[in-house]
Amino acid sequence: MGRSGSLPLRALITGISRPFYVGSFRHALDAKNRLTIPAKWRFAGDEGEVYLALPHPSGHIMVLPPAEVEKLYERISAMPFSDEEAQEFQNKFFSQAHSFGCDKQGRIKLPDTLLKRAGIDREAVLVGTMTKFGIWSPERWDSVDPEKNGDNLGDLMKKVGL
C-alpha cells in the first residue's frame, strides 16, 4: 500500500494511479529458473496479486498484470457456455496459460514449457508495452529490437496513430 490510501508508492511519485510497464531489462534466470521483475515495475502488494503468462504467437511470453487479468476475466465470463467456438478458444488458450505472483524479492517462476516455447534458457529480456509486458529470449528480442534494427520511431508512431 502507498502512504495515502490504496495507491501504490510508485503512483504517488509518478502521479499515475495505475501500474505501467515501459522500458526493457535484461535479467538472468537463477538456479531455480526464477526471473526478477524490474523494481520499477513492482508495486506494494504484488506478492498477493495474480499475473497471467501466455505464449505469444511471435515467440515470446506475454504477461498480463492484475488489471489486465481482470479485464480478460470479465470478457471470458461473458462468453456463453452454449457458444462452442468460445468454449474451444477457452480450452486452447487457457490450457497454455500460467498464473503466478511475485515473491517478496520480486521474482517469478514460470513453467519450463513456457520458457522452452519462448526459447528462454539462462537470460531473458523483459519488454514493457505500457499495460503489460513481454518476456523474450535475448536472441528473439535482438531480431525485433528497434534500436538494433534501425527502426524510425516516427514511422512506428504513425502506424499506431500517434
N, C-alpha and C. Protein backbone atom coordinates (compact mmCIF):
# COMPACT_ATOMS: atom_id res chain seq x y z
N MET A 1 0.83 -1.19 0.00
CA MET A 1 0.00 0.00 0.00
C MET A 1 0.87 1.25 0.00
N GLY A 2 0.39 2.27 -0.66
CA GLY A 2 1.09 3.54 -0.64
C GLY A 2 0.80 4.28 0.65
N ARG A 3 1.36 5.45 0.77
CA ARG A 3 1.21 6.20 2.02
C ARG A 3 -0.14 6.88 2.15
N SER A 4 -0.82 7.16 1.04
CA SER A 4 -2.12 7.83 1.17
C SER A 4 -3.19 6.94 0.57
N GLY A 5 -3.80 6.14 1.39
CA GLY A 5 -4.87 5.27 0.92
C GLY A 5 -4.35 4.05 0.21
N SER A 6 -5.02 3.71 -0.89
CA SER A 6 -4.70 2.46 -1.55
C SER A 6 -3.76 2.61 -2.74
N LEU A 7 -3.28 3.81 -3.03
CA LEU A 7 -2.39 3.99 -4.16
C LEU A 7 -1.00 3.45 -3.85
N PRO A 8 -0.39 2.72 -4.80
CA PRO A 8 0.99 2.28 -4.60
C PRO A 8 1.91 3.49 -4.50
N LEU A 9 3.03 3.32 -3.79
CA LEU A 9 4.01 4.40 -3.64
C LEU A 9 4.42 4.94 -5.00
N ARG A 10 4.60 4.06 -5.97
CA ARG A 10 5.02 4.49 -7.30
C ARG A 10 4.01 5.45 -7.90
N ALA A 11 2.73 5.18 -7.69
CA ALA A 11 1.70 6.06 -8.24
C ALA A 11 1.79 7.44 -7.61
N LEU A 12 2.12 7.50 -6.34
CA LEU A 12 2.26 8.79 -5.68
C LEU A 12 3.42 9.57 -6.26
N ILE A 13 4.49 8.88 -6.60
CA ILE A 13 5.67 9.54 -7.14
C ILE A 13 5.42 9.99 -8.57
N THR A 14 4.80 9.14 -9.39
CA THR A 14 4.62 9.46 -10.81
C THR A 14 3.35 10.22 -11.10
N GLY A 15 2.38 10.18 -10.18
CA GLY A 15 1.11 10.84 -10.41
C GLY A 15 0.13 9.98 -11.19
N ILE A 16 0.50 8.76 -11.51
CA ILE A 16 -0.38 7.86 -12.24
C ILE A 16 -0.88 6.81 -11.26
N SER A 17 -2.19 6.57 -11.27
CA SER A 17 -2.77 5.66 -10.29
C SER A 17 -2.83 4.22 -10.77
N ARG A 18 -2.33 3.94 -11.96
CA ARG A 18 -2.32 2.57 -12.47
C ARG A 18 -0.90 2.14 -12.78
N PRO A 19 -0.63 0.86 -12.61
CA PRO A 19 0.71 0.38 -12.98
C PRO A 19 0.93 0.53 -14.48
N PHE A 20 2.16 0.80 -14.85
CA PHE A 20 2.50 0.79 -16.27
C PHE A 20 3.89 0.20 -16.43
N TYR A 21 4.11 -0.36 -17.60
CA TYR A 21 5.33 -1.13 -17.87
C TYR A 21 5.99 -0.57 -19.12
N VAL A 22 7.13 0.10 -18.93
CA VAL A 22 7.87 0.66 -20.06
C VAL A 22 9.35 0.35 -19.89
N GLY A 23 10.06 0.35 -20.99
CA GLY A 23 11.48 0.07 -20.98
C GLY A 23 11.77 -1.39 -21.28
N SER A 24 13.04 -1.71 -21.31
CA SER A 24 13.46 -3.11 -21.49
C SER A 24 14.59 -3.39 -20.52
N PHE A 25 14.60 -4.62 -20.02
CA PHE A 25 15.55 -5.03 -19.00
C PHE A 25 16.04 -6.44 -19.30
N ARG A 26 17.33 -6.65 -19.21
CA ARG A 26 17.91 -7.98 -19.41
C ARG A 26 18.27 -8.55 -18.05
N HIS A 27 17.73 -9.73 -17.74
CA HIS A 27 17.96 -10.38 -16.46
C HIS A 27 18.31 -11.84 -16.67
N ALA A 28 19.15 -12.36 -15.78
CA ALA A 28 19.47 -13.79 -15.79
C ALA A 28 18.45 -14.53 -14.94
N LEU A 29 18.15 -15.75 -15.34
CA LEU A 29 17.33 -16.62 -14.51
C LEU A 29 18.23 -17.22 -13.45
N ASP A 30 17.72 -17.41 -12.24
CA ASP A 30 18.54 -18.01 -11.19
C ASP A 30 18.54 -19.54 -11.33
N ALA A 31 19.18 -20.23 -10.41
CA ALA A 31 19.33 -21.68 -10.49
C ALA A 31 17.98 -22.41 -10.47
N LYS A 32 16.96 -21.77 -9.92
CA LYS A 32 15.62 -22.38 -9.87
C LYS A 32 14.72 -21.87 -11.00
N ASN A 33 15.32 -21.25 -12.01
CA ASN A 33 14.61 -20.68 -13.15
C ASN A 33 13.63 -19.58 -12.75
N ARG A 34 13.98 -18.83 -11.71
CA ARG A 34 13.17 -17.68 -11.33
C ARG A 34 13.73 -16.44 -12.03
N LEU A 35 12.85 -15.53 -12.33
CA LEU A 35 13.21 -14.31 -13.03
C LEU A 35 12.76 -13.12 -12.19
N THR A 36 13.63 -12.15 -12.04
CA THR A 36 13.31 -10.96 -11.25
C THR A 36 12.60 -9.93 -12.12
N ILE A 37 11.47 -9.48 -11.62
CA ILE A 37 10.74 -8.40 -12.28
C ILE A 37 11.45 -7.09 -11.91
N PRO A 38 11.67 -6.19 -12.88
CA PRO A 38 12.35 -4.93 -12.56
C PRO A 38 11.67 -4.18 -11.42
N ALA A 39 12.48 -3.59 -10.57
CA ALA A 39 11.95 -2.86 -9.41
C ALA A 39 10.97 -1.77 -9.83
N LYS A 40 11.21 -1.13 -10.98
CA LYS A 40 10.32 -0.08 -11.46
C LYS A 40 8.91 -0.60 -11.75
N TRP A 41 8.80 -1.90 -12.00
CA TRP A 41 7.51 -2.48 -12.35
C TRP A 41 6.79 -3.10 -11.15
N ARG A 42 7.41 -3.09 -10.00
CA ARG A 42 6.81 -3.71 -8.82
C ARG A 42 6.02 -2.69 -8.03
N PHE A 43 4.95 -3.17 -7.41
CA PHE A 43 4.09 -2.30 -6.64
C PHE A 43 3.80 -2.95 -5.30
N ALA A 44 3.51 -2.13 -4.31
CA ALA A 44 3.16 -2.66 -2.99
C ALA A 44 2.00 -3.62 -3.15
N GLY A 45 2.13 -4.78 -2.54
CA GLY A 45 1.07 -5.79 -2.61
C GLY A 45 1.20 -6.75 -3.77
N ASP A 46 2.26 -6.62 -4.59
CA ASP A 46 2.44 -7.52 -5.73
C ASP A 46 2.45 -8.99 -5.31
N GLU A 47 2.95 -9.27 -4.11
CA GLU A 47 3.07 -10.67 -3.69
C GLU A 47 1.72 -11.36 -3.68
N GLY A 48 0.64 -10.63 -3.43
CA GLY A 48 -0.68 -11.22 -3.35
C GLY A 48 -1.47 -11.13 -4.65
N GLU A 49 -0.93 -10.49 -5.66
CA GLU A 49 -1.63 -10.30 -6.92
C GLU A 49 -1.38 -11.47 -7.87
N VAL A 50 -2.29 -11.65 -8.82
CA VAL A 50 -2.16 -12.74 -9.79
C VAL A 50 -1.85 -12.15 -11.16
N TYR A 51 -0.78 -12.64 -11.74
CA TYR A 51 -0.39 -12.31 -13.11
C TYR A 51 -0.71 -13.52 -13.98
N LEU A 52 -0.84 -13.31 -15.28
CA LEU A 52 -1.12 -14.41 -16.19
C LEU A 52 -0.08 -14.38 -17.31
N ALA A 53 0.60 -15.50 -17.50
CA ALA A 53 1.61 -15.62 -18.56
C ALA A 53 1.06 -16.53 -19.65
N LEU A 54 1.23 -16.11 -20.90
CA LEU A 54 0.72 -16.84 -22.05
C LEU A 54 1.76 -16.86 -23.15
N PRO A 55 1.82 -17.94 -23.92
CA PRO A 55 2.72 -17.91 -25.08
C PRO A 55 2.14 -16.96 -26.12
N HIS A 56 2.99 -16.11 -26.67
CA HIS A 56 2.57 -15.17 -27.71
C HIS A 56 2.92 -15.76 -29.07
N PRO A 57 2.08 -15.56 -30.08
CA PRO A 57 2.38 -16.12 -31.41
C PRO A 57 3.73 -15.70 -31.99
N SER A 58 4.27 -14.55 -31.55
CA SER A 58 5.56 -14.11 -32.10
C SER A 58 6.75 -14.76 -31.41
N GLY A 59 6.50 -15.68 -30.47
CA GLY A 59 7.61 -16.44 -29.88
C GLY A 59 8.14 -15.93 -28.56
N HIS A 60 7.37 -15.13 -27.85
CA HIS A 60 7.77 -14.69 -26.52
C HIS A 60 6.65 -15.01 -25.54
N ILE A 61 6.84 -14.65 -24.28
CA ILE A 61 5.82 -14.85 -23.25
C ILE A 61 5.16 -13.50 -22.99
N MET A 62 3.85 -13.47 -23.11
CA MET A 62 3.10 -12.25 -22.81
C MET A 62 2.61 -12.35 -21.37
N VAL A 63 2.85 -11.30 -20.58
CA VAL A 63 2.45 -11.30 -19.18
C VAL A 63 1.40 -10.21 -18.96
N LEU A 64 0.24 -10.66 -18.49
CA LEU A 64 -0.83 -9.73 -18.15
C LEU A 64 -0.80 -9.47 -16.65
N PRO A 65 -0.66 -8.21 -16.25
CA PRO A 65 -0.70 -7.88 -14.82
C PRO A 65 -2.14 -7.95 -14.31
N PRO A 66 -2.32 -7.83 -12.99
CA PRO A 66 -3.65 -8.00 -12.41
C PRO A 66 -4.77 -7.18 -13.06
N ALA A 67 -4.52 -5.93 -13.41
CA ALA A 67 -5.58 -5.10 -14.02
C ALA A 67 -6.02 -5.68 -15.36
N GLU A 68 -5.06 -6.18 -16.15
CA GLU A 68 -5.40 -6.77 -17.44
C GLU A 68 -6.04 -8.15 -17.27
N VAL A 69 -5.62 -8.89 -16.25
CA VAL A 69 -6.25 -10.18 -15.95
C VAL A 69 -7.72 -9.96 -15.63
N GLU A 70 -8.00 -8.92 -14.87
CA GLU A 70 -9.39 -8.62 -14.50
C GLU A 70 -10.23 -8.32 -15.74
N LYS A 71 -9.69 -7.52 -16.67
CA LYS A 71 -10.40 -7.22 -17.91
C LYS A 71 -10.66 -8.49 -18.71
N LEU A 72 -9.66 -9.34 -18.83
CA LEU A 72 -9.81 -10.60 -19.56
C LEU A 72 -10.84 -11.50 -18.87
N TYR A 73 -10.80 -11.55 -17.55
CA TYR A 73 -11.74 -12.35 -16.79
C TYR A 73 -13.19 -11.93 -17.11
N GLU A 74 -13.42 -10.63 -17.15
CA GLU A 74 -14.77 -10.12 -17.44
C GLU A 74 -15.21 -10.53 -18.85
N ARG A 75 -14.31 -10.43 -19.81
CA ARG A 75 -14.66 -10.81 -21.19
C ARG A 75 -14.95 -12.30 -21.30
N ILE A 76 -14.11 -13.10 -20.66
CA ILE A 76 -14.28 -14.56 -20.74
C ILE A 76 -15.54 -14.99 -20.02
N SER A 77 -15.82 -14.40 -18.87
CA SER A 77 -17.00 -14.81 -18.10
C SER A 77 -18.30 -14.42 -18.82
N ALA A 78 -18.24 -13.49 -19.75
CA ALA A 78 -19.42 -13.09 -20.52
C ALA A 78 -19.70 -14.03 -21.69
N MET A 79 -18.77 -14.92 -22.00
CA MET A 79 -18.97 -15.85 -23.12
C MET A 79 -19.94 -16.94 -22.70
N PRO A 80 -20.98 -17.16 -23.51
CA PRO A 80 -21.97 -18.17 -23.12
C PRO A 80 -21.42 -19.60 -23.20
N PHE A 81 -21.86 -20.42 -22.28
CA PHE A 81 -21.45 -21.83 -22.28
C PHE A 81 -21.92 -22.54 -23.55
N SER A 82 -22.97 -22.05 -24.14
CA SER A 82 -23.52 -22.70 -25.34
C SER A 82 -22.74 -22.34 -26.61
N ASP A 83 -21.82 -21.38 -26.54
CA ASP A 83 -21.03 -20.98 -27.70
C ASP A 83 -19.83 -21.92 -27.81
N GLU A 84 -19.96 -22.91 -28.69
CA GLU A 84 -18.92 -23.94 -28.81
C GLU A 84 -17.59 -23.36 -29.26
N GLU A 85 -17.62 -22.37 -30.13
CA GLU A 85 -16.38 -21.75 -30.60
C GLU A 85 -15.67 -21.04 -29.45
N ALA A 86 -16.45 -20.33 -28.63
CA ALA A 86 -15.87 -19.65 -27.48
C ALA A 86 -15.29 -20.65 -26.49
N GLN A 87 -15.99 -21.75 -26.28
CA GLN A 87 -15.51 -22.77 -25.35
C GLN A 87 -14.23 -23.43 -25.88
N GLU A 88 -14.17 -23.66 -27.18
CA GLU A 88 -12.97 -24.23 -27.78
C GLU A 88 -11.79 -23.28 -27.62
N PHE A 89 -12.04 -21.98 -27.86
CA PHE A 89 -11.00 -20.98 -27.66
C PHE A 89 -10.48 -21.02 -26.24
N GLN A 90 -11.40 -21.02 -25.27
CA GLN A 90 -11.00 -21.01 -23.87
C GLN A 90 -10.16 -22.24 -23.53
N ASN A 91 -10.56 -23.39 -24.02
CA ASN A 91 -9.79 -24.61 -23.75
C ASN A 91 -8.38 -24.50 -24.30
N LYS A 92 -8.25 -24.07 -25.53
CA LYS A 92 -6.93 -23.99 -26.16
C LYS A 92 -6.08 -22.88 -25.56
N PHE A 93 -6.69 -21.75 -25.32
CA PHE A 93 -5.96 -20.58 -24.83
C PHE A 93 -5.48 -20.77 -23.40
N PHE A 94 -6.39 -21.13 -22.51
CA PHE A 94 -6.04 -21.20 -21.10
C PHE A 94 -5.31 -22.48 -20.70
N SER A 95 -5.33 -23.49 -21.56
CA SER A 95 -4.53 -24.68 -21.26
C SER A 95 -3.04 -24.38 -21.35
N GLN A 96 -2.69 -23.30 -22.05
CA GLN A 96 -1.29 -22.91 -22.21
C GLN A 96 -0.88 -21.79 -21.24
N ALA A 97 -1.83 -21.29 -20.48
CA ALA A 97 -1.58 -20.16 -19.58
C ALA A 97 -1.00 -20.63 -18.25
N HIS A 98 -0.37 -19.70 -17.57
CA HIS A 98 0.19 -19.97 -16.24
C HIS A 98 -0.06 -18.75 -15.37
N SER A 99 -0.65 -18.96 -14.20
CA SER A 99 -0.85 -17.84 -13.29
C SER A 99 0.25 -17.88 -12.23
N PHE A 100 0.64 -16.71 -11.77
CA PHE A 100 1.71 -16.63 -10.79
C PHE A 100 1.64 -15.31 -10.05
N GLY A 101 2.37 -15.21 -8.99
CA GLY A 101 2.56 -13.97 -8.25
C GLY A 101 4.04 -13.74 -8.04
N CYS A 102 4.39 -12.56 -7.63
CA CYS A 102 5.79 -12.24 -7.32
C CYS A 102 6.06 -12.61 -5.87
N ASP A 103 7.28 -13.09 -5.60
CA ASP A 103 7.66 -13.29 -4.21
C ASP A 103 8.15 -11.95 -3.65
N LYS A 104 8.57 -11.95 -2.40
CA LYS A 104 8.96 -10.69 -1.74
C LYS A 104 10.18 -10.04 -2.39
N GLN A 105 10.98 -10.83 -3.11
CA GLN A 105 12.14 -10.28 -3.81
C GLN A 105 11.80 -9.86 -5.24
N GLY A 106 10.53 -9.98 -5.62
CA GLY A 106 10.10 -9.58 -6.95
C GLY A 106 10.40 -10.62 -8.02
N ARG A 107 10.57 -11.87 -7.60
CA ARG A 107 10.88 -12.93 -8.57
C ARG A 107 9.60 -13.68 -8.95
N ILE A 108 9.62 -14.21 -10.16
CA ILE A 108 8.53 -15.06 -10.63
C ILE A 108 9.11 -16.39 -11.09
N LYS A 109 8.29 -17.41 -11.05
CA LYS A 109 8.69 -18.74 -11.52
C LYS A 109 7.75 -19.13 -12.63
N LEU A 110 8.29 -19.29 -13.83
CA LEU A 110 7.50 -19.69 -14.97
C LEU A 110 7.76 -21.15 -15.28
N PRO A 111 6.77 -21.85 -15.81
CA PRO A 111 6.96 -23.27 -16.11
C PRO A 111 7.94 -23.47 -17.27
N ASP A 112 8.62 -24.59 -17.23
CA ASP A 112 9.59 -24.93 -18.27
C ASP A 112 8.96 -24.91 -19.66
N THR A 113 7.68 -25.32 -19.76
CA THR A 113 7.03 -25.36 -21.08
C THR A 113 6.97 -23.97 -21.71
N LEU A 114 6.63 -22.95 -20.93
CA LEU A 114 6.58 -21.59 -21.47
C LEU A 114 7.98 -21.09 -21.81
N LEU A 115 8.94 -21.34 -20.92
CA LEU A 115 10.31 -20.90 -21.18
C LEU A 115 10.87 -21.55 -22.44
N LYS A 116 10.64 -22.83 -22.58
CA LYS A 116 11.16 -23.55 -23.75
C LYS A 116 10.50 -23.04 -25.03
N ARG A 117 9.19 -22.85 -24.99
CA ARG A 117 8.47 -22.37 -26.17
C ARG A 117 8.96 -20.99 -26.60
N ALA A 118 9.37 -20.17 -25.64
CA ALA A 118 9.87 -18.82 -25.94
C ALA A 118 11.37 -18.82 -26.22
N GLY A 119 12.02 -19.98 -26.13
CA GLY A 119 13.46 -20.06 -26.40
C GLY A 119 14.30 -19.44 -25.30
N ILE A 120 13.77 -19.37 -24.08
CA ILE A 120 14.49 -18.75 -22.97
C ILE A 120 15.22 -19.83 -22.19
N ASP A 121 16.52 -19.60 -22.00
CA ASP A 121 17.35 -20.58 -21.30
C ASP A 121 17.94 -19.97 -20.03
N ARG A 122 18.92 -19.17 -20.16
CA ARG A 122 19.61 -18.60 -18.99
C ARG A 122 19.34 -17.11 -18.77
N GLU A 123 18.99 -16.43 -19.86
CA GLU A 123 18.74 -14.99 -19.79
C GLU A 123 17.42 -14.68 -20.45
N ALA A 124 16.83 -13.56 -20.03
CA ALA A 124 15.58 -13.10 -20.63
C ALA A 124 15.60 -11.58 -20.73
N VAL A 125 14.85 -11.08 -21.68
CA VAL A 125 14.68 -9.64 -21.84
C VAL A 125 13.21 -9.33 -21.57
N LEU A 126 12.97 -8.48 -20.59
CA LEU A 126 11.61 -8.07 -20.25
C LEU A 126 11.35 -6.75 -20.97
N VAL A 127 10.26 -6.70 -21.73
CA VAL A 127 9.95 -5.54 -22.55
C VAL A 127 8.56 -5.02 -22.20
N GLY A 128 8.49 -3.78 -21.72
CA GLY A 128 7.21 -3.18 -21.36
C GLY A 128 6.44 -2.73 -22.57
N THR A 129 5.13 -2.90 -22.52
CA THR A 129 4.23 -2.43 -23.58
C THR A 129 3.10 -1.61 -22.96
N MET A 130 3.41 -0.84 -21.96
CA MET A 130 2.55 0.07 -21.21
C MET A 130 1.59 -0.67 -20.27
N THR A 131 0.66 -1.47 -20.79
CA THR A 131 -0.33 -2.12 -19.92
C THR A 131 0.03 -3.56 -19.58
N LYS A 132 1.05 -4.09 -20.22
CA LYS A 132 1.50 -5.46 -19.97
C LYS A 132 2.98 -5.52 -20.33
N PHE A 133 3.58 -6.71 -20.22
CA PHE A 133 4.97 -6.82 -20.64
C PHE A 133 5.23 -8.20 -21.25
N GLY A 134 6.29 -8.25 -22.02
CA GLY A 134 6.70 -9.49 -22.66
C GLY A 134 8.02 -9.96 -22.09
N ILE A 135 8.22 -11.27 -22.13
CA ILE A 135 9.49 -11.86 -21.73
C ILE A 135 10.03 -12.58 -22.96
N TRP A 136 11.18 -12.14 -23.42
CA TRP A 136 11.77 -12.61 -24.67
C TRP A 136 13.10 -13.31 -24.40
N SER A 137 13.47 -14.22 -25.29
CA SER A 137 14.85 -14.70 -25.29
C SER A 137 15.68 -13.56 -25.87
N PRO A 138 16.92 -13.40 -25.42
CA PRO A 138 17.74 -12.30 -25.98
C PRO A 138 17.87 -12.38 -27.50
N GLU A 139 17.99 -13.58 -28.05
CA GLU A 139 18.14 -13.73 -29.50
C GLU A 139 16.89 -13.27 -30.24
N ARG A 140 15.73 -13.67 -29.75
CA ARG A 140 14.48 -13.27 -30.42
C ARG A 140 14.25 -11.76 -30.27
N TRP A 141 14.57 -11.22 -29.09
CA TRP A 141 14.39 -9.78 -28.91
C TRP A 141 15.33 -9.01 -29.83
N ASP A 142 16.57 -9.47 -29.96
CA ASP A 142 17.53 -8.79 -30.83
C ASP A 142 17.01 -8.69 -32.27
N SER A 143 16.23 -9.68 -32.70
CA SER A 143 15.72 -9.67 -34.08
C SER A 143 14.61 -8.64 -34.29
N VAL A 144 13.98 -8.15 -33.22
CA VAL A 144 12.93 -7.15 -33.35
C VAL A 144 13.25 -5.84 -32.64
N ASP A 145 14.33 -5.79 -31.89
CA ASP A 145 14.72 -4.60 -31.12
C ASP A 145 14.83 -3.40 -32.06
N PRO A 146 14.03 -2.35 -31.82
CA PRO A 146 14.06 -1.19 -32.72
C PRO A 146 15.41 -0.50 -32.76
N GLU A 147 16.15 -0.52 -31.68
CA GLU A 147 17.47 0.12 -31.67
C GLU A 147 18.46 -0.63 -32.56
N LYS A 148 18.39 -1.95 -32.57
CA LYS A 148 19.32 -2.76 -33.36
C LYS A 148 18.91 -2.85 -34.81
N ASN A 149 17.62 -2.63 -35.09
CA ASN A 149 17.12 -2.75 -36.45
C ASN A 149 16.98 -1.42 -37.17
N GLY A 150 17.34 -0.33 -36.50
CA GLY A 150 17.29 0.98 -37.13
C GLY A 150 15.88 1.46 -37.44
N ASP A 151 14.89 0.99 -36.67
CA ASP A 151 13.52 1.43 -36.90
C ASP A 151 13.40 2.92 -36.60
N ASN A 152 12.63 3.59 -37.43
CA ASN A 152 12.38 5.01 -37.24
C ASN A 152 11.19 5.17 -36.29
N LEU A 153 11.42 5.78 -35.13
CA LEU A 153 10.37 5.94 -34.13
C LEU A 153 9.18 6.72 -34.69
N GLY A 154 9.44 7.71 -35.51
CA GLY A 154 8.35 8.49 -36.12
C GLY A 154 7.45 7.62 -36.97
N ASP A 155 8.04 6.73 -37.77
CA ASP A 155 7.25 5.83 -38.60
C ASP A 155 6.42 4.88 -37.74
N LEU A 156 7.03 4.38 -36.66
CA LEU A 156 6.31 3.48 -35.76
C LEU A 156 5.13 4.21 -35.12
N MET A 157 5.34 5.46 -34.74
CA MET A 157 4.27 6.25 -34.11
C MET A 157 3.12 6.49 -35.10
N LYS A 158 3.45 6.74 -36.35
CA LYS A 158 2.41 6.96 -37.35
C LYS A 158 1.55 5.71 -37.54
N LYS A 159 2.17 4.53 -37.47
CA LYS A 159 1.44 3.28 -37.67
C LYS A 159 0.33 3.09 -36.64
N VAL A 160 0.52 3.63 -35.45
CA VAL A 160 -0.49 3.47 -34.40
C VAL A 160 -1.26 4.77 -34.14
N GLY A 161 -1.09 5.76 -35.00
CA GLY A 161 -1.88 6.97 -34.90
C GLY A 161 -1.44 7.96 -33.84
N LEU A 162 -0.17 7.94 -33.48
CA LEU A 162 0.32 8.93 -32.51
C LEU A 162 1.01 10.09 -33.21
